[in-house]
Amino acid sequence: MAKRLSKAAREALGATDWERFDAMSDRDIARQIAANPDAAPDMAPEIDVRAIRRAAGMTQAQFAAAYGFSIRTVQEWERGAKKPSGPARTLLRAIRADPEGLRKALAAA
């Protein structure tokens, strides 16, 4: 069953500057969220990509090639310029648990 928007919600949508909204980059959106005191904090635990890679005994290039990441992505994660999200976080947790087993499984696929 579809719910109807309240009058206030319809008015807010009508007042939105959609062109400006569409022009926002991910970085702009992140800044807006960070500046909003009502936004929920990021509760996801940190993933230490460098520690996972080092525990696997790999260079950044080896790690990226073995698990399907770009070298640049691995570098950005390790520098803290970006954070892994979604499927990448899941894959990194699997790598942390069994790096060699996962590498073999991916190589065989």
PDB file of N, CA and C in Angstrom:
ATOM      1  N   MET A   1       0.849  -1.158   0.000  1.00  0.00           N
ATOM      2  CA  MET A   1       0.000   0.000   0.000  1.00  0.00           C
ATOM      3  C   MET A   1       0.905   1.234   0.000  1.00  0.00           C
ATOM      4  N   ALA A   2       0.698   2.105  -0.937  1.00  0.00           N
ATOM      5  CA  ALA A   2       1.501   3.321  -1.052  1.00  0.00           C
ATOM      6  C   ALA A   2       1.046   4.350  -0.028  1.00  0.00           C
ATOM      7  N   LYS A   3       2.022   4.995   0.595  1.00  0.00           N
ATOM      8  CA  LYS A   3       1.697   6.047   1.551  1.00  0.00           C
ATOM      9  C   LYS A   3       1.764   7.385   0.839  1.00  0.00           C
ATOM     10  N   ARG A   4       0.908   8.277   1.230  1.00  0.00           N
ATOM     11  CA  ARG A   4       0.910   9.625   0.664  1.00  0.00           C
ATOM     12  C   ARG A   4       1.839  10.507   1.476  1.00  0.00           C
ATOM     13  N   LEU A   5       2.507  11.394   0.780  1.00  0.00           N
ATOM     14  CA  LEU A   5       3.372  12.350   1.466  1.00  0.00           C
ATOM     15  C   LEU A   5       2.534  13.413   2.149  1.00  0.00           C
ATOM     16  N   SER A   6       3.015  13.859   3.276  1.00  0.00           N
ATOM     17  CA  SER A   6       2.335  14.951   3.966  1.00  0.00           C
ATOM     18  C   SER A   6       2.498  16.230   3.151  1.00  0.00           C
ATOM     19  N   LYS A   7       1.682  17.198   3.465  1.00  0.00           N
ATOM     20  CA  LYS A   7       1.755  18.480   2.770  1.00  0.00           C
ATOM     21  C   LYS A   7       3.137  19.101   2.956  1.00  0.00           C
ATOM     22  N   ALA A   8       3.673  19.022   4.169  1.00  0.00           N
ATOM     23  CA  ALA A   8       4.995  19.593   4.448  1.00  0.00           C
ATOM     24  C   ALA A   8       6.079  18.902   3.617  1.00  0.00           C
ATOM     25  N   ALA A   9       5.972  17.577   3.486  1.00  0.00           N
ATOM     26  CA  ALA A   9       6.956  16.842   2.696  1.00  0.00           C
ATOM     27  C   ALA A   9       6.863  17.220   1.225  1.00  0.00           C
ATOM     28  N   ARG A  10       5.647  17.345   0.710  1.00  0.00           N
ATOM     29  CA  ARG A  10       5.468  17.752  -0.694  1.00  0.00           C
ATOM     30  C   ARG A  10       6.044  19.140  -0.929  1.00  0.00           C
ATOM     31  N   GLU A  11       5.817  20.054   0.019  1.00  0.00           N
ATOM     32  CA  GLU A  11       6.346  21.414  -0.117  1.00  0.00           C
ATOM     33  C   GLU A  11       7.873  21.414  -0.070  1.00  0.00           C
ATOM     34  N   ALA A  12       8.442  20.595   0.806  1.00  0.00           N
ATOM     35  CA  ALA A  12       9.902  20.528   0.904  1.00  0.00           C
ATOM     36  C   ALA A  12      10.506  19.992  -0.389  1.00  0.00           C
ATOM     37  N   LEU A  13       9.881  18.975  -0.962  1.00  0.00           N
ATOM     38  CA  LEU A  13      10.373  18.433  -2.229  1.00  0.00           C
ATOM     39  C   LEU A  13      10.266  19.466  -3.341  1.00  0.00           C
ATOM     40  N   GLY A  14       9.184  20.210  -3.338  1.00  0.00           N
ATOM     41  CA  GLY A  14       8.996  21.239  -4.357  1.00  0.00           C
ATOM     42  C   GLY A  14       9.994  22.371  -4.234  1.00  0.00           C
ATOM     43  N   ALA A  15      10.483  22.616  -3.030  1.00  0.00           N
ATOM     44  CA  ALA A  15      11.425  23.712  -2.800  1.00  0.00           C
ATOM     45  C   ALA A  15      12.876  23.286  -3.012  1.00  0.00           C
ATOM     46  N   THR A  16      13.106  22.022  -3.307  1.00  0.00           N
ATOM     47  CA  THR A  16      14.467  21.518  -3.487  1.00  0.00           C
ATOM     48  C   THR A  16      15.041  21.990  -4.817  1.00  0.00           C
ATOM     49  N   ASP A  17      16.270  22.459  -4.783  1.00  0.00           N
ATOM     50  CA  ASP A  17      16.984  22.873  -5.993  1.00  0.00           C
ATOM     51  C   ASP A  17      17.652  21.621  -6.574  1.00  0.00           C
ATOM     52  N   TRP A  18      16.916  20.907  -7.430  1.00  0.00           N
ATOM     53  CA  TRP A  18      17.385  19.620  -7.934  1.00  0.00           C
ATOM     54  C   TRP A  18      18.626  19.747  -8.803  1.00  0.00           C
ATOM     55  N   GLU A  19      18.789  20.826  -9.558  1.00  0.00           N
ATOM     56  CA  GLU A  19      19.996  21.004 -10.372  1.00  0.00           C
ATOM     57  C   GLU A  19      21.228  21.118  -9.475  1.00  0.00           C
ATOM     58  N   ARG A  20      21.097  21.887  -8.414  1.00  0.00           N
ATOM     59  CA  ARG A  20      22.211  22.030  -7.475  1.00  0.00           C
ATOM     60  C   ARG A  20      22.486  20.696  -6.783  1.00  0.00           C
ATOM     61  N   PHE A  21      21.432  19.993  -6.431  1.00  0.00           N
ATOM     62  CA  PHE A  21      21.561  18.686  -5.787  1.00  0.00           C
ATOM     63  C   PHE A  21      22.301  17.712  -6.700  1.00  0.00           C
ATOM     64  N   ASP A  22      21.897  17.645  -7.975  1.00  0.00           N
ATOM     65  CA  ASP A  22      22.528  16.731  -8.930  1.00  0.00           C
ATOM     66  C   ASP A  22      23.992  17.079  -9.185  1.00  0.00           C
ATOM     67  N   ALA A  23      24.356  18.349  -9.022  1.00  0.00           N
ATOM     68  CA  ALA A  23      25.728  18.793  -9.278  1.00  0.00           C
ATOM     69  C   ALA A  23      26.672  18.499  -8.112  1.00  0.00           C
ATOM     70  N   MET A  24      26.139  18.064  -6.976  1.00  0.00           N
ATOM     71  CA  MET A  24      26.985  17.807  -5.806  1.00  0.00           C
ATOM     72  C   MET A  24      27.831  16.554  -6.004  1.00  0.00           C
ATOM     73  N   SER A  25      29.082  16.640  -5.597  1.00  0.00           N
ATOM     74  CA  SER A  25      29.970  15.480  -5.635  1.00  0.00           C
ATOM     75  C   SER A  25      29.791  14.677  -4.345  1.00  0.00           C
ATOM     76  N   ASP A  26      30.365  13.489  -4.325  1.00  0.00           N
ATOM     77  CA  ASP A  26      30.320  12.680  -3.105  1.00  0.00           C
ATOM     78  C   ASP A  26      30.993  13.416  -1.950  1.00  0.00           C
ATOM     79  N   ARG A  27      32.061  14.139  -2.255  1.00  0.00           N
ATOM     80  CA  ARG A  27      32.769  14.894  -1.219  1.00  0.00           C
ATOM     81  C   ARG A  27      31.875  16.000  -0.660  1.00  0.00           C
ATOM     82  N   ASP A  28      31.125  16.686  -1.560  1.00  0.00           N
ATOM     83  CA  ASP A  28      30.190  17.727  -1.111  1.00  0.00           C
ATOM     84  C   ASP A  28      29.129  17.132  -0.188  1.00  0.00           C
ATOM     85  N   ILE A  29      28.613  15.986  -0.582  1.00  0.00           N
ATOM     86  CA  ILE A  29      27.578  15.324   0.216  1.00  0.00           C
ATOM     87  C   ILE A  29      28.137  14.931   1.582  1.00  0.00           C
ATOM     88  N   ALA A  30      29.358  14.392   1.596  1.00  0.00           N
ATOM     89  CA  ALA A  30      29.979  14.001   2.868  1.00  0.00           C
ATOM     90  C   ALA A  30      30.156  15.212   3.781  1.00  0.00           C
ATOM     91  N   ARG A  31      30.540  16.361   3.204  1.00  0.00           N
ATOM     92  CA  ARG A  31      30.693  17.580   4.010  1.00  0.00           C
ATOM     93  C   ARG A  31      29.352  18.020   4.581  1.00  0.00           C
ATOM     94  N   GLN A  32      28.291  17.930   3.774  1.00  0.00           N
ATOM     95  CA  GLN A  32      26.957  18.308   4.242  1.00  0.00           C
ATOM     96  C   GLN A  32      26.525  17.412   5.406  1.00  0.00           C
ATOM     97  N   ILE A  33      26.768  16.123   5.257  1.00  0.00           N
ATOM     98  CA  ILE A  33      26.396  15.183   6.316  1.00  0.00           C
ATOM     99  C   ILE A  33      27.198  15.473   7.584  1.00  0.00           C
ATOM    100  N   ALA A  34      28.507  15.709   7.431  1.00  0.00           N
ATOM    101  CA  ALA A  34      29.361  15.983   8.593  1.00  0.00           C
ATOM    102  C   ALA A  34      28.938  17.253   9.315  1.00  0.00           C
ATOM    103  N   ALA A  35      28.418  18.223   8.572  1.00  0.00           N
ATOM    104  CA  ALA A  35      28.012  19.497   9.174  1.00  0.00           C
ATOM    105  C   ALA A  35      26.622  19.437   9.799  1.00  0.00           C
ATOM    106  N   ASN A  36      25.876  18.369   9.526  1.00  0.00           N
ATOM    107  CA  ASN A  36      24.505  18.246  10.017  1.00  0.00           C
ATOM    108  C   ASN A  36      24.514  17.605  11.408  1.00  0.00           C
ATOM    109  N   PRO A  37      24.147  18.347  12.440  1.00  0.00           N
ATOM    110  CA  PRO A  37      24.170  17.783  13.791  1.00  0.00           C
ATOM    111  C   PRO A  37      23.125  16.683  13.999  1.00  0.00           C
ATOM    112  N   ASP A  38      22.143  16.591  13.107  1.00  0.00           N
ATOM    113  CA  ASP A  38      21.111  15.567  13.245  1.00  0.00           C
ATOM    114  C   ASP A  38      21.458  14.271  12.513  1.00  0.00           C
ATOM    115  N   ALA A  39      22.536  14.269  11.742  1.00  0.00           N
ATOM    116  CA  ALA A  39      22.914  13.073  10.989  1.00  0.00           C
ATOM    117  C   ALA A  39      23.446  12.010  11.950  1.00  0.00           C
ATOM    118  N   ALA A  40      23.085  10.766  11.682  1.00  0.00           N
ATOM    119  CA  ALA A  40      23.560   9.661  12.518  1.00  0.00           C
ATOM    120  C   ALA A  40      25.057   9.464  12.303  1.00  0.00           C
ATOM    121  N   PRO A  41      25.805   9.185  13.358  1.00  0.00           N
ATOM    122  CA  PRO A  41      27.247   8.970  13.200  1.00  0.00           C
ATOM    123  C   PRO A  41      27.523   7.644  12.498  1.00  0.00           C
ATOM    124  N   ASP A  42      28.670   7.561  11.856  1.00  0.00           N
ATOM    125  CA  ASP A  42      29.098   6.324  11.212  1.00  0.00           C
ATOM    126  C   ASP A  42      29.493   5.346  12.315  1.00  0.00           C
ATOM    127  N   MET A  43      28.728   4.285  12.467  1.00  0.00           N
ATOM    128  CA  MET A  43      28.967   3.337  13.553  1.00  0.00           C
ATOM    129  C   MET A  43      29.742   2.101  13.102  1.00  0.00           C
ATOM    130  N   ALA A  44      30.089   2.034  11.822  1.00  0.00           N
ATOM    131  CA  ALA A  44      30.821   0.873  11.325  1.00  0.00           C
ATOM    132  C   ALA A  44      32.230   0.870  11.916  1.00  0.00           C
ATOM    133  N   PRO A  45      32.675  -0.276  12.420  1.00  0.00           N
ATOM    134  CA  PRO A  45      34.026  -0.319  12.982  1.00  0.00           C
ATOM    135  C   PRO A  45      35.067  -0.093  11.887  1.00  0.00           C
ATOM    136  N   GLU A  46      36.165   0.520  12.268  1.00  0.00           N
ATOM    137  CA  GLU A  46      37.247   0.773  11.320  1.00  0.00           C
ATOM    138  C   GLU A  46      37.846  -0.548  10.846  1.00  0.00           C
ATOM    139  N   ILE A  47      38.276  -0.563   9.601  1.00  0.00           N
ATOM    140  CA  ILE A  47      38.986  -1.715   9.058  1.00  0.00           C
ATOM    141  C   ILE A  47      40.388  -1.236   8.714  1.00  0.00           C
ATOM    142  N   ASP A  48      41.391  -1.844   9.317  1.00  0.00           N
ATOM    143  CA  ASP A  48      42.777  -1.446   9.088  1.00  0.00           C
ATOM    144  C   ASP A  48      43.316  -2.221   7.893  1.00  0.00           C
ATOM    145  N   VAL A  49      43.173  -1.629   6.720  1.00  0.00           N
ATOM    146  CA  VAL A  49      43.569  -2.298   5.481  1.00  0.00           C
ATOM    147  C   VAL A  49      45.068  -2.587   5.480  1.00  0.00           C
ATOM    148  N   ARG A  50      45.863  -1.644   5.937  1.00  0.00           N
ATOM    149  CA  ARG A  50      47.324  -1.846   5.969  1.00  0.00           C
ATOM    150  C   ARG A  50      47.678  -3.062   6.833  1.00  0.00           C
ATOM    151  N   ALA A  51      47.047  -3.189   7.985  1.00  0.00           N
ATOM    152  CA  ALA A  51      47.332  -4.325   8.871  1.00  0.00           C
ATOM    153  C   ALA A  51      46.909  -5.641   8.222  1.00  0.00           C
ATOM    154  N   ILE A  52      45.774  -5.638   7.538  1.00  0.00           N
ATOM    155  CA  ILE A  52      45.305  -6.851   6.858  1.00  0.00           C
ATOM    156  C   ILE A  52      46.291  -7.235   5.759  1.00  0.00           C
ATOM    157  N   ARG A  53      46.712  -6.243   4.966  1.00  0.00           N
ATOM    158  CA  ARG A  53      47.655  -6.498   3.868  1.00  0.00           C
ATOM    159  C   ARG A  53      48.991  -7.001   4.410  1.00  0.00           C
ATOM    160  N   ARG A  54      49.497  -6.351   5.441  1.00  0.00           N
ATOM    161  CA  ARG A  54      50.792  -6.761   6.009  1.00  0.00           C
ATOM    162  C   ARG A  54      50.717  -8.157   6.622  1.00  0.00           C
ATOM    163  N   ALA A  55      49.597  -8.469   7.273  1.00  0.00           N
ATOM    164  CA  ALA A  55      49.426  -9.809   7.847  1.00  0.00           C
ATOM    165  C   ALA A  55      49.424 -10.874   6.754  1.00  0.00           C
ATOM    166  N   ALA A  56      48.962 -10.489   5.561  1.00  0.00           N
ATOM    167  CA  ALA A  56      48.971 -11.411   4.428  1.00  0.00           C
ATOM    168  C   ALA A  56      50.355 -11.483   3.788  1.00  0.00           C
ATOM    169  N   GLY A  57      51.273 -10.594   4.216  1.00  0.00           N
ATOM    170  CA  GLY A  57      52.641 -10.604   3.700  1.00  0.00           C
ATOM    171  C   GLY A  57      52.750 -10.127   2.266  1.00  0.00           C
ATOM    172  N   MET A  58      51.920  -9.143   1.900  1.00  0.00           N
ATOM    173  CA  MET A  58      51.888  -8.682   0.511  1.00  0.00           C
ATOM    174  C   MET A  58      52.203  -7.202   0.395  1.00  0.00           C
ATOM    175  N   THR A  59      52.723  -6.828  -0.776  1.00  0.00           N
ATOM    176  CA  THR A  59      52.856  -5.416  -1.113  1.00  0.00           C
ATOM    177  C   THR A  59      51.476  -4.909  -1.522  1.00  0.00           C
ATOM    178  N   GLN A  60      51.352  -3.601  -1.670  1.00  0.00           N
ATOM    179  CA  GLN A  60      50.073  -3.046  -2.122  1.00  0.00           C
ATOM    180  C   GLN A  60      49.694  -3.608  -3.488  1.00  0.00           C
ATOM    181  N   ALA A  61      50.671  -3.707  -4.390  1.00  0.00           N
ATOM    182  CA  ALA A  61      50.398  -4.214  -5.743  1.00  0.00           C
ATOM    183  C   ALA A  61      49.959  -5.677  -5.702  1.00  0.00           C
ATOM    184  N   GLN A  62      50.631  -6.486  -4.897  1.00  0.00           N
ATOM    185  CA  GLN A  62      50.265  -7.897  -4.781  1.00  0.00           C
ATOM    186  C   GLN A  62      48.869  -8.052  -4.186  1.00  0.00           C
ATOM    187  N   PHE A  63      48.594  -7.295  -3.142  1.00  0.00           N
ATOM    188  CA  PHE A  63      47.298  -7.346  -2.463  1.00  0.00           C
ATOM    189  C   PHE A  63      46.179  -6.963  -3.429  1.00  0.00           C
ATOM    190  N   ALA A  64      46.385  -5.870  -4.155  1.00  0.00           N
ATOM    191  CA  ALA A  64      45.375  -5.400  -5.108  1.00  0.00           C
ATOM    192  C   ALA A  64      45.118  -6.456  -6.180  1.00  0.00           C
ATOM    193  N   ALA A  65      46.185  -7.020  -6.735  1.00  0.00           N
ATOM    194  CA  ALA A  65      46.033  -8.017  -7.798  1.00  0.00           C
ATOM    195  C   ALA A  65      45.375  -9.299  -7.289  1.00  0.00           C
ATOM    196  N   ALA A  66      45.758  -9.736  -6.101  1.00  0.00           N
ATOM    197  CA  ALA A  66      45.238 -10.994  -5.563  1.00  0.00           C
ATOM    198  C   ALA A  66      43.752 -10.935  -5.257  1.00  0.00           C
ATOM    199  N   TYR A  67      43.272  -9.762  -4.820  1.00  0.00           N
ATOM    200  CA  TYR A  67      41.893  -9.682  -4.350  1.00  0.00           C
ATOM    201  C   TYR A  67      40.984  -8.803  -5.205  1.00  0.00           C
ATOM    202  N   GLY A  68      41.498  -8.317  -6.337  1.00  0.00           N
ATOM    203  CA  GLY A  68      40.647  -7.589  -7.276  1.00  0.00           C
ATOM    204  C   GLY A  68      40.422  -6.121  -6.977  1.00  0.00           C
ATOM    205  N   PHE A  69      41.310  -5.512  -6.209  1.00  0.00           N
ATOM    206  CA  PHE A  69      41.224  -4.076  -5.947  1.00  0.00           C
ATOM    207  C   PHE A  69      42.187  -3.350  -6.879  1.00  0.00           C
ATOM    208  N   SER A  70      41.966  -2.073  -7.093  1.00  0.00           N
ATOM    209  CA  SER A  70      42.970  -1.287  -7.805  1.00  0.00           C
ATOM    210  C   SER A  70      44.026  -0.865  -6.784  1.00  0.00           C
ATOM    211  N   ILE A  71      45.246  -0.679  -7.265  1.00  0.00           N
ATOM    212  CA  ILE A  71      46.315  -0.238  -6.363  1.00  0.00           C
ATOM    213  C   ILE A  71      45.947   1.111  -5.754  1.00  0.00           C
ATOM    214  N   ARG A  72      45.384   1.980  -6.563  1.00  0.00           N
ATOM    215  CA  ARG A  72      45.020   3.315  -6.074  1.00  0.00           C
ATOM    216  C   ARG A  72      44.014   3.220  -4.922  1.00  0.00           C
ATOM    217  N   THR A  73      43.045   2.321  -5.054  1.00  0.00           N
ATOM    218  CA  THR A  73      42.051   2.152  -3.991  1.00  0.00           C
ATOM    219  C   THR A  73      42.720   1.697  -2.697  1.00  0.00           C
ATOM    220  N   VAL A  74      43.611   0.725  -2.800  1.00  0.00           N
ATOM    221  CA  VAL A  74      44.323   0.239  -1.614  1.00  0.00           C
ATOM    222  C   VAL A  74      45.118   1.382  -0.983  1.00  0.00           C
ATOM    223  N   GLN A  75      45.794   2.169  -1.813  1.00  0.00           N
ATOM    224  CA  GLN A  75      46.571   3.306  -1.299  1.00  0.00           C
ATOM    225  C   GLN A  75      45.671   4.313  -0.587  1.00  0.00           C
ATOM    226  N   GLU A  76      44.529   4.619  -1.189  1.00  0.00           N
ATOM    227  CA  GLU A  76      43.603   5.583  -0.581  1.00  0.00           C
ATOM    228  C   GLU A  76      43.052   5.065   0.738  1.00  0.00           C
ATOM    229  N   TRP A  77      42.746   3.776   0.803  1.00  0.00           N
ATOM    230  CA  TRP A  77      42.272   3.198   2.060  1.00  0.00           C
ATOM    231  C   TRP A  77      43.352   3.308   3.134  1.00  0.00           C
ATOM    232  N   GLU A  78      44.576   2.955   2.766  1.00  0.00           N
ATOM    233  CA  GLU A  78      45.657   2.962   3.747  1.00  0.00           C
ATOM    234  C   GLU A  78      46.008   4.376   4.209  1.00  0.00           C
ATOM    235  N   ARG A  79      45.875   5.352   3.344  1.00  0.00           N
ATOM    236  CA  ARG A  79      46.129   6.751   3.712  1.00  0.00           C
ATOM    237  C   ARG A  79      44.983   7.348   4.507  1.00  0.00           C
ATOM    238  N   GLY A  80      43.823   6.716   4.454  1.00  0.00           N
ATOM    239  CA  GLY A  80      42.648   7.255   5.124  1.00  0.00           C
ATOM    240  C   GLY A  80      41.892   8.256   4.275  1.00  0.00           C
ATOM    241  N   ALA A  81      42.267   8.383   2.992  1.00  0.00           N
ATOM    242  CA  ALA A  81      41.572   9.302   2.093  1.00  0.00           C
ATOM    243  C   ALA A  81      40.169   8.797   1.780  1.00  0.00           C
ATOM    244  N   LYS A  82      40.015   7.479   1.779  1.00  0.00           N
ATOM    245  CA  LYS A  82      38.709   6.855   1.558  1.00  0.00           C
ATOM    246  C   LYS A  82      38.573   5.694   2.524  1.00  0.00           C
ATOM    247  N   LYS A  83      37.330   5.293   2.751  1.00  0.00           N
ATOM    248  CA  LYS A  83      37.054   4.144   3.611  1.00  0.00           C
ATOM    249  C   LYS A  83      36.380   3.068   2.774  1.00  0.00           C
ATOM    250  N   PRO A  84      36.766   1.812   2.983  1.00  0.00           N
ATOM    251  CA  PRO A  84      36.067   0.741   2.277  1.00  0.00           C
ATOM    252  C   PRO A  84      34.618   0.654   2.757  1.00  0.00           C
ATOM    253  N   SER A  85      33.728   0.347   1.839  1.00  0.00           N
ATOM    254  CA  SER A  85      32.320   0.244   2.220  1.00  0.00           C
ATOM    255  C   SER A  85      31.694  -0.967   1.550  1.00  0.00           C
ATOM    256  N   GLY A  86      30.547  -1.368   2.044  1.00  0.00           N
ATOM    257  CA  GLY A  86      29.748  -2.430   1.443  1.00  0.00           C
ATOM    258  C   GLY A  86      30.520  -3.708   1.182  1.00  0.00           C
ATOM    259  N   PRO A  87      30.482  -4.182  -0.075  1.00  0.00           N
ATOM    260  CA  PRO A  87      31.133  -5.447  -0.416  1.00  0.00           C
ATOM    261  C   PRO A  87      32.636  -5.447  -0.129  1.00  0.00           C
ATOM    262  N   ALA A  88      33.295  -4.309  -0.296  1.00  0.00           N
ATOM    263  CA  ALA A  88      34.735  -4.245  -0.023  1.00  0.00           C
ATOM    264  C   ALA A  88      35.012  -4.530   1.449  1.00  0.00           C
ATOM    265  N   ARG A  89      34.186  -4.003   2.346  1.00  0.00           N
ATOM    266  CA  ARG A  89      34.363  -4.270   3.781  1.00  0.00           C
ATOM    267  C   ARG A  89      34.198  -5.764   4.067  1.00  0.00           C
ATOM    268  N   THR A  90      33.211  -6.369   3.419  1.00  0.00           N
ATOM    269  CA  THR A  90      32.971  -7.802   3.613  1.00  0.00           C
ATOM    270  C   THR A  90      34.162  -8.611   3.114  1.00  0.00           C
ATOM    271  N   LEU A  91      34.660  -8.256   1.928  1.00  0.00           N
ATOM    272  CA  LEU A  91      35.815  -8.958   1.372  1.00  0.00           C
ATOM    273  C   LEU A  91      37.045  -8.778   2.266  1.00  0.00           C
ATOM    274  N   LEU A  92      37.257  -7.585   2.766  1.00  0.00           N
ATOM    275  CA  LEU A  92      38.405  -7.344   3.646  1.00  0.00           C
ATOM    276  C   LEU A  92      38.306  -8.156   4.941  1.00  0.00           C
ATOM    277  N   ARG A  93      37.109  -8.307   5.480  1.00  0.00           N
ATOM    278  CA  ARG A  93      36.945  -9.145   6.683  1.00  0.00           C
ATOM    279  C   ARG A  93      37.269 -10.608   6.363  1.00  0.00           C
ATOM    280  N   ALA A  94      36.868 -11.062   5.170  1.00  0.00           N
ATOM    281  CA  ALA A  94      37.178 -12.437   4.762  1.00  0.00           C
ATOM    282  C   ALA A  94      38.683 -12.610   4.558  1.00  0.00           C
ATOM    283  N   ILE A  95      39.328 -11.609   3.970  1.00  0.00           N
ATOM    284  CA  ILE A  95      40.784 -11.658   3.792  1.00  0.00           C
ATOM    285  C   ILE A  95      41.464 -11.732   5.154  1.00  0.00           C
ATOM    286  N   ARG A  96      41.002 -10.925   6.097  1.00  0.00           N
ATOM    287  CA  ARG A  96      41.584 -10.912   7.443  1.00  0.00           C
ATOM    288  C   ARG A  96      41.471 -12.296   8.093  1.00  0.00           C
ATOM    289  N   ALA A  97      40.349 -12.976   7.868  1.00  0.00           N
ATOM    290  CA  ALA A  97      40.117 -14.281   8.490  1.00  0.00           C
ATOM    291  C   ALA A  97      40.962 -15.389   7.860  1.00  0.00           C
ATOM    292  N   ASP A  98      41.117 -15.373   6.526  1.00  0.00           N
ATOM    293  CA  ASP A  98      41.852 -16.443   5.843  1.00  0.00           C
ATOM    294  C   ASP A  98      42.406 -15.925   4.519  1.00  0.00           C
ATOM    295  N   PRO A  99      43.486 -15.152   4.573  1.00  0.00           N
ATOM    296  CA  PRO A  99      43.993 -14.537   3.347  1.00  0.00           C
ATOM    297  C   PRO A  99      44.401 -15.551   2.276  1.00  0.00           C
ATOM    298  N   GLU A 100      45.089 -16.601   2.677  1.00  0.00           N
ATOM    299  CA  GLU A 100      45.561 -17.576   1.687  1.00  0.00           C
ATOM    300  C   GLU A 100      44.404 -18.385   1.104  1.00  0.00           C
ATOM    301  N   GLY A 101      43.482 -18.811   1.950  1.00  0.00           N
ATOM    302  CA  GLY A 101      42.331 -19.573   1.457  1.00  0.00           C
ATOM    303  C   GLY A 101      41.484 -18.761   0.492  1.00  0.00           C
ATOM    304  N   LEU A 102      41.266 -17.508   0.811  1.00  0.00           N
ATOM    305  CA  LEU A 102      40.467 -16.651  -0.068  1.00  0.00           C
ATOM    306  C   LEU A 102      41.204 -16.374  -1.369  1.00  0.00           C
ATOM    307  N   ARG A 103      42.529 -16.156  -1.288  1.00  0.00           N
ATOM    308  CA  ARG A 103      43.310 -15.915  -2.501  1.00  0.00           C
ATOM    309  C   ARG A 103      43.225 -17.111  -3.439  1.00  0.00           C
ATOM    310  N   LYS A 104      43.341 -18.315  -2.879  1.00  0.00           N
ATOM    311  CA  LYS A 104      43.244 -19.532  -3.696  1.00  0.00           C
ATOM    312  C   LYS A 104      41.853 -19.677  -4.303  1.00  0.00           C
ATOM    313  N   ALA A 105      40.826 -19.395  -3.519  1.00  0.00           N
ATOM    314  CA  ALA A 105      39.449 -19.498  -4.024  1.00  0.00           C
ATOM    315  C   ALA A 105      39.217 -18.513  -5.163  1.00  0.00           C
ATOM    316  N   LEU A 106      39.710 -17.299  -5.014  1.00  0.00           N
ATOM    317  CA  LEU A 106      39.532 -16.300  -6.068  1.00  0.00           C
ATOM    318  C   LEU A 106      40.340 -16.649  -7.309  1.00  0.00           C
ATOM    319  N   ALA A 107      41.529 -17.209  -7.131  1.00  0.00           N
ATOM    320  CA  ALA A 107      42.359 -17.593  -8.272  1.00  0.00           C
ATOM    321  C   ALA A 107      41.721 -18.734  -9.052  1.00  0.00           C
ATOM    322  N   ALA A 108      41.005 -19.615  -8.355  1.00  0.00           N
ATOM    323  CA  ALA A 108      40.362 -20.757  -9.005  1.00  0.00           C
ATOM    324  C   ALA A 108      39.050 -20.381  -9.687  1.00  0.00           C
ATOM    325  N   ALA A 109      38.491 -19.250  -9.327  1.00  0.00           N
ATOM    326  CA  ALA A 109      37.182 -18.857  -9.878  1.00  0.00           C
ATOM    327  C   ALA A 109      37.281 -18.369 -11.308  1.00  0.00           C
TER     328      ALA A 109
END
